[in-house]
N, C-alpha and C. Protein backbone atom coordinates (compact mmCIF):
# COMPACT_ATOMS: atom_id res chain seq x y z
N MET A 1 -7.04 -14.56 -1.25
CA MET A 1 -6.14 -14.22 -0.08
C MET A 1 -4.60 -14.70 -0.49
N ILE A 2 -3.49 -13.95 -0.13
CA ILE A 2 -2.28 -14.52 -0.24
C ILE A 2 -1.85 -15.74 0.42
N ALA A 3 -1.03 -16.53 0.04
CA ALA A 3 -0.76 -17.90 0.82
C ALA A 3 0.55 -17.69 1.26
N TYR A 4 0.68 -18.07 2.50
CA TYR A 4 2.01 -18.20 2.90
C TYR A 4 2.56 -19.57 3.40
N ALA A 5 3.87 -19.61 3.03
CA ALA A 5 4.56 -21.19 3.24
C ALA A 5 4.69 -21.07 5.08
N LYS A 6 5.12 -22.10 5.51
CA LYS A 6 4.97 -22.14 6.88
C LYS A 6 6.16 -21.55 7.48
N ASN A 7 7.55 -21.47 6.54
CA ASN A 7 8.33 -20.65 7.02
C ASN A 7 8.41 -19.12 7.07
N GLU A 8 7.03 -18.68 6.17
CA GLU A 8 6.98 -17.27 6.03
C GLU A 8 6.13 -16.57 7.01
N MET A 9 5.61 -17.67 8.20
CA MET A 9 4.58 -16.98 9.15
C MET A 9 5.40 -17.15 10.88
N VAL A 10 5.36 -16.31 11.73
CA VAL A 10 5.94 -16.34 12.79
C VAL A 10 4.80 -15.95 13.68
N GLY A 11 4.75 -16.30 14.97
CA GLY A 11 3.75 -15.77 16.03
C GLY A 11 4.46 -14.58 16.54
N ILE A 12 3.67 -13.74 17.14
CA ILE A 12 3.97 -12.48 17.67
C ILE A 12 5.05 -12.77 18.76
N THR A 13 4.83 -13.76 19.51
CA THR A 13 5.89 -14.05 20.89
C THR A 13 7.08 -14.53 20.45
N GLU A 14 7.22 -15.25 19.35
CA GLU A 14 8.50 -15.71 18.75
C GLU A 14 9.36 -14.46 17.93
N LEU A 15 8.26 -13.66 17.22
CA LEU A 15 8.96 -12.69 16.44
C LEU A 15 9.74 -11.80 17.71
N SER A 16 8.94 -11.45 18.84
CA SER A 16 9.31 -10.42 19.62
C SER A 16 10.76 -11.05 20.36
N LYS A 17 10.94 -12.25 20.28
CA LYS A 17 12.26 -12.82 20.97
C LYS A 17 13.31 -12.91 20.10
N SER A 18 13.15 -12.91 18.74
CA SER A 18 14.07 -13.00 17.38
C SER A 18 13.74 -12.15 16.35
N LEU A 19 13.30 -10.89 16.82
CA LEU A 19 13.07 -9.89 15.55
C LEU A 19 14.39 -9.71 14.71
N GLY A 20 15.56 -9.25 15.52
CA GLY A 20 16.72 -9.36 14.59
C GLY A 20 16.69 -10.19 13.46
N SER A 21 16.91 -11.67 14.02
CA SER A 21 17.02 -12.80 13.05
C SER A 21 16.01 -12.72 11.73
N TYR A 22 14.74 -12.59 12.45
CA TYR A 22 13.70 -12.45 11.22
C TYR A 22 13.86 -11.26 10.04
N LEU A 23 14.26 -10.39 10.51
CA LEU A 23 14.36 -8.94 9.88
C LEU A 23 15.74 -9.27 8.80
N ASP A 24 16.65 -10.05 9.31
CA ASP A 24 17.94 -10.43 8.49
C ASP A 24 17.03 -11.27 7.44
N LYS A 25 16.37 -12.14 7.56
CA LYS A 25 15.89 -12.94 6.51
C LYS A 25 15.17 -12.29 5.58
N VAL A 26 14.22 -11.52 5.96
CA VAL A 26 13.56 -10.57 4.99
C VAL A 26 14.35 -9.66 4.16
N THR A 27 15.41 -9.15 5.01
CA THR A 27 16.23 -8.03 4.28
C THR A 27 17.45 -8.70 3.25
N SER A 28 17.60 -9.86 3.59
CA SER A 28 18.62 -10.56 2.79
C SER A 28 17.76 -11.43 1.76
N ASN A 29 16.52 -11.24 1.56
CA ASN A 29 15.56 -12.01 0.52
C ASN A 29 15.89 -13.68 0.79
N THR A 30 16.19 -13.99 1.93
CA THR A 30 15.98 -15.29 2.28
C THR A 30 14.40 -15.56 2.37
N LEU A 31 13.54 -14.70 2.98
CA LEU A 31 12.38 -14.88 2.86
C LEU A 31 11.60 -13.71 1.99
N ASN A 32 10.79 -13.69 1.28
CA ASN A 32 10.11 -12.64 0.53
C ASN A 32 9.06 -11.72 1.51
N LYS A 33 8.45 -12.20 2.25
CA LYS A 33 7.38 -11.84 3.21
C LYS A 33 7.66 -12.67 4.59
N LEU A 34 7.18 -11.81 5.69
CA LEU A 34 6.84 -12.58 6.78
C LEU A 34 5.60 -12.15 7.40
N ALA A 35 4.71 -13.25 7.54
CA ALA A 35 3.61 -13.01 8.00
C ALA A 35 3.61 -12.98 9.68
N ILE A 36 2.87 -11.91 10.19
CA ILE A 36 3.07 -11.93 11.83
C ILE A 36 1.54 -12.44 12.31
N ILE A 37 1.71 -13.61 13.04
CA ILE A 37 0.25 -14.16 13.42
C ILE A 37 -0.07 -13.81 15.04
N ARG A 38 -1.06 -13.18 15.08
CA ARG A 38 -1.64 -13.25 16.53
C ARG A 38 -3.07 -13.58 16.40
N ARG A 39 -3.29 -14.50 17.85
CA ARG A 39 -4.59 -14.92 17.90
C ARG A 39 -4.71 -15.99 16.71
N ASN A 40 -4.04 -16.78 16.14
CA ASN A 40 -4.11 -17.50 15.01
C ASN A 40 -4.47 -16.98 13.59
N LYS A 41 -4.29 -15.74 13.51
CA LYS A 41 -4.38 -15.21 12.35
C LYS A 41 -3.55 -14.11 11.77
N PRO A 42 -3.10 -14.11 10.53
CA PRO A 42 -2.18 -12.96 10.05
C PRO A 42 -2.89 -11.75 10.59
N GLU A 43 -1.78 -10.82 11.00
CA GLU A 43 -2.23 -9.62 11.37
C GLU A 43 -1.50 -8.46 10.63
N ALA A 44 -0.30 -8.69 10.33
CA ALA A 44 0.63 -7.56 9.32
C ALA A 44 1.76 -8.69 8.72
N VAL A 45 2.48 -8.03 7.78
CA VAL A 45 3.43 -8.60 6.98
C VAL A 45 4.67 -7.74 6.79
N ILE A 46 5.75 -8.28 7.13
CA ILE A 46 6.96 -7.61 6.79
C ILE A 46 7.49 -7.56 5.57
N VAL A 47 7.89 -6.52 4.74
CA VAL A 47 8.36 -6.85 3.43
C VAL A 47 9.63 -6.08 3.46
N PRO A 48 10.65 -6.22 2.41
CA PRO A 48 11.74 -5.39 2.51
C PRO A 48 11.27 -3.95 2.02
N ILE A 49 12.08 -2.92 2.45
CA ILE A 49 11.71 -1.32 2.11
C ILE A 49 11.58 -1.29 0.52
N GLU A 50 12.05 -2.26 -0.20
CA GLU A 50 12.01 -1.91 -1.84
C GLU A 50 10.76 -2.46 -2.29
N GLU A 51 10.45 -3.53 -1.68
CA GLU A 51 9.01 -4.12 -1.93
C GLU A 51 7.70 -3.22 -1.61
N TYR A 52 8.05 -2.76 -0.26
CA TYR A 52 7.03 -1.75 0.07
C TYR A 52 6.97 -0.32 -0.91
N GLU A 53 8.26 -0.05 -1.25
CA GLU A 53 8.04 1.23 -1.90
C GLU A 53 7.54 1.10 -3.52
N HIS A 54 7.76 -0.37 -3.97
CA HIS A 54 7.36 -0.42 -5.00
C HIS A 54 5.77 -0.60 -5.15
N MET A 55 5.25 -1.24 -4.10
CA MET A 55 3.72 -1.54 -3.92
C MET A 55 3.08 -0.10 -3.67
N ARG A 56 3.92 1.05 -3.04
CA ARG A 56 3.11 1.80 -2.54
C ARG A 56 3.05 2.84 -3.85
N LYS A 57 4.33 2.89 -4.91
CA LYS A 57 4.08 3.53 -6.35
C LYS A 57 3.18 3.06 -7.07
N ALA A 58 2.74 1.45 -6.86
CA ALA A 58 1.81 0.85 -7.96
C ALA A 58 0.52 1.49 -7.46
N ALA A 59 -0.07 1.35 -6.03
CA ALA A 59 -0.99 1.92 -5.69
C ALA A 59 -1.30 3.51 -6.07
N ASP A 60 -0.42 4.21 -5.91
CA ASP A 60 -0.31 5.55 -6.33
C ASP A 60 -0.71 5.80 -7.82
N TYR A 61 -0.15 5.06 -8.57
CA TYR A 61 -0.28 4.91 -10.17
C TYR A 61 -1.81 4.30 -10.27
N LEU A 62 -2.00 3.49 -9.70
CA LEU A 62 -3.55 2.96 -9.92
C LEU A 62 -4.67 4.11 -9.50
N GLU A 63 -4.41 4.77 -8.66
CA GLU A 63 -5.30 6.07 -8.04
C GLU A 63 -5.02 7.11 -9.29
N ASP A 64 -4.03 7.39 -9.39
CA ASP A 64 -4.05 8.60 -10.69
C ASP A 64 -4.89 7.82 -11.82
N LEU A 65 -4.76 6.57 -12.14
CA LEU A 65 -5.41 6.07 -13.39
C LEU A 65 -7.11 6.02 -13.16
N GLU A 66 -6.92 5.96 -11.89
CA GLU A 66 -8.77 5.94 -11.53
C GLU A 66 -9.19 7.55 -11.77
N ILE A 67 -8.64 8.40 -11.23
CA ILE A 67 -8.73 9.74 -11.44
C ILE A 67 -8.79 10.17 -12.66
N ALA A 68 -7.96 9.62 -13.73
CA ALA A 68 -7.90 9.83 -14.98
C ALA A 68 -9.10 9.57 -15.73
N ASN A 69 -9.45 8.35 -15.21
CA ASN A 69 -10.80 7.79 -16.06
C ASN A 69 -11.78 8.44 -15.46
N ILE A 70 -12.08 8.94 -14.45
CA ILE A 70 -13.17 9.85 -14.09
C ILE A 70 -13.19 11.06 -14.78
N ILE A 71 -12.21 11.76 -14.78
CA ILE A 71 -11.89 12.98 -15.75
C ILE A 71 -12.28 12.76 -16.97
N LYS A 72 -11.83 11.69 -17.59
CA LYS A 72 -12.17 11.38 -18.98
C LYS A 72 -13.80 11.27 -19.24
N THR A 73 -14.52 10.35 -18.16
CA THR A 73 -15.65 10.17 -18.24
C THR A 73 -16.65 11.25 -18.34
N ARG A 74 -16.19 12.21 -17.37
CA ARG A 74 -17.14 13.38 -17.14
C ARG A 74 -16.70 14.31 -18.42
N VAL A 75 -15.64 14.32 -18.90
CA VAL A 75 -15.34 15.67 -20.06
C VAL A 75 -16.14 15.03 -21.15
N LEU A 76 -15.84 13.63 -21.48
CA LEU A 76 -16.28 13.27 -23.06
C LEU A 76 -17.97 12.60 -23.01
N ASP A 77 -18.34 12.26 -21.64
CA ASP A 77 -19.46 11.63 -21.53
C ASP A 77 -20.63 13.11 -21.37
N LYS A 78 -19.80 14.01 -20.44
CA LYS A 78 -20.78 15.11 -20.16
C LYS A 78 -22.05 14.83 -19.53
N THR A 79 -22.15 13.81 -18.82
CA THR A 79 -23.24 13.50 -17.91
C THR A 79 -23.34 14.40 -16.78
N GLU A 80 -21.98 14.90 -16.34
CA GLU A 80 -22.25 15.95 -15.09
C GLU A 80 -21.50 17.05 -15.68
N PRO A 81 -22.21 18.23 -15.04
CA PRO A 81 -21.38 19.47 -15.50
C PRO A 81 -19.97 19.73 -15.02
N ILE A 82 -19.06 20.26 -15.87
CA ILE A 82 -17.94 20.46 -15.38
C ILE A 82 -17.87 21.25 -14.36
N LYS A 83 -17.06 20.82 -13.20
CA LYS A 83 -16.83 21.80 -12.05
C LYS A 83 -15.12 22.45 -12.25
N TYR A 84 -14.88 23.55 -12.44
CA TYR A 84 -13.33 23.80 -12.54
C TYR A 84 -13.14 24.26 -11.01
N LEU A 85 -11.99 23.86 -10.51
CA LEU A 85 -11.36 23.85 -9.25
C LEU A 85 -10.05 25.09 -9.36
N THR A 86 -10.28 25.99 -8.19
CA THR A 86 -8.99 26.99 -8.45
C THR A 86 -7.73 26.02 -7.86
N THR A 87 -6.65 26.70 -8.01
CA THR A 87 -5.50 26.07 -7.61
C THR A 87 -5.46 25.57 -6.10
N ASP A 88 -6.04 26.68 -5.18
CA ASP A 88 -6.27 26.44 -3.81
C ASP A 88 -7.14 25.23 -3.66
N GLU A 89 -8.29 25.30 -4.40
CA GLU A 89 -9.41 24.31 -4.23
C GLU A 89 -8.80 23.00 -4.08
N LEU A 90 -7.86 22.61 -5.74
CA LEU A 90 -7.34 21.35 -5.81
C LEU A 90 -6.31 21.19 -4.89
N LYS A 91 -5.52 22.11 -4.30
CA LYS A 91 -4.45 21.73 -3.27
C LYS A 91 -5.26 21.10 -1.73
N ILE A 92 -6.46 21.81 -1.48
CA ILE A 92 -7.15 21.45 -0.23
C ILE A 92 -7.44 20.02 -0.47
N SER A 93 -8.38 19.75 -1.63
CA SER A 93 -8.78 18.42 -1.97
C SER A 93 -7.78 17.32 -1.99
N LEU A 94 -6.40 17.72 -2.71
CA LEU A 94 -5.50 16.89 -2.76
C LEU A 94 -4.83 16.57 -0.95
N ARG A 95 -4.85 17.42 -0.30
CA ARG A 95 -4.24 17.36 1.09
C ARG A 95 -5.06 16.42 1.88
N LYS A 96 -6.48 16.58 1.67
CA LYS A 96 -7.62 15.80 2.36
C LYS A 96 -7.18 14.27 1.98
N ARG A 97 -6.80 13.83 0.88
CA ARG A 97 -6.31 12.62 0.63
C ARG A 97 -5.03 12.24 0.83
N GLY A 98 -4.49 12.84 1.59
CA GLY A 98 -2.97 12.56 2.02
C GLY A 98 -1.94 12.88 1.03
N LYS A 99 -2.06 13.63 0.32
CA LYS A 99 -1.13 14.33 -0.95
C LYS A 99 -0.31 15.13 -0.21
N ASP A 100 0.98 15.08 -0.67
CA ASP A 100 1.65 16.44 0.05
C ASP A 100 1.94 17.26 -1.01
N VAL A 101 1.22 18.43 -1.31
CA VAL A 101 1.27 19.37 -2.14
C VAL A 101 1.52 20.74 -1.45
């Protein structure tokens, strides 16, 4: 679990009163992250857009590596018969996984 410093946590009520101020702290890198607390537990985190985009790219990269590893295993080990997909089948499969193709 990620640790948060006291100044990196804010209750939802306080956040609603001072959203602009907290957003300024995050976007100016005064705070790296801001955990939003509701019912005494962290519910969400606000991070700068650049950080979010970096995390999204990293997650996409890891997913691509996982897919490549599955392909490599199936082709090299030949434990499962190779199933070829048409371009349309591949697009449908990717769209189901949220990819814009």
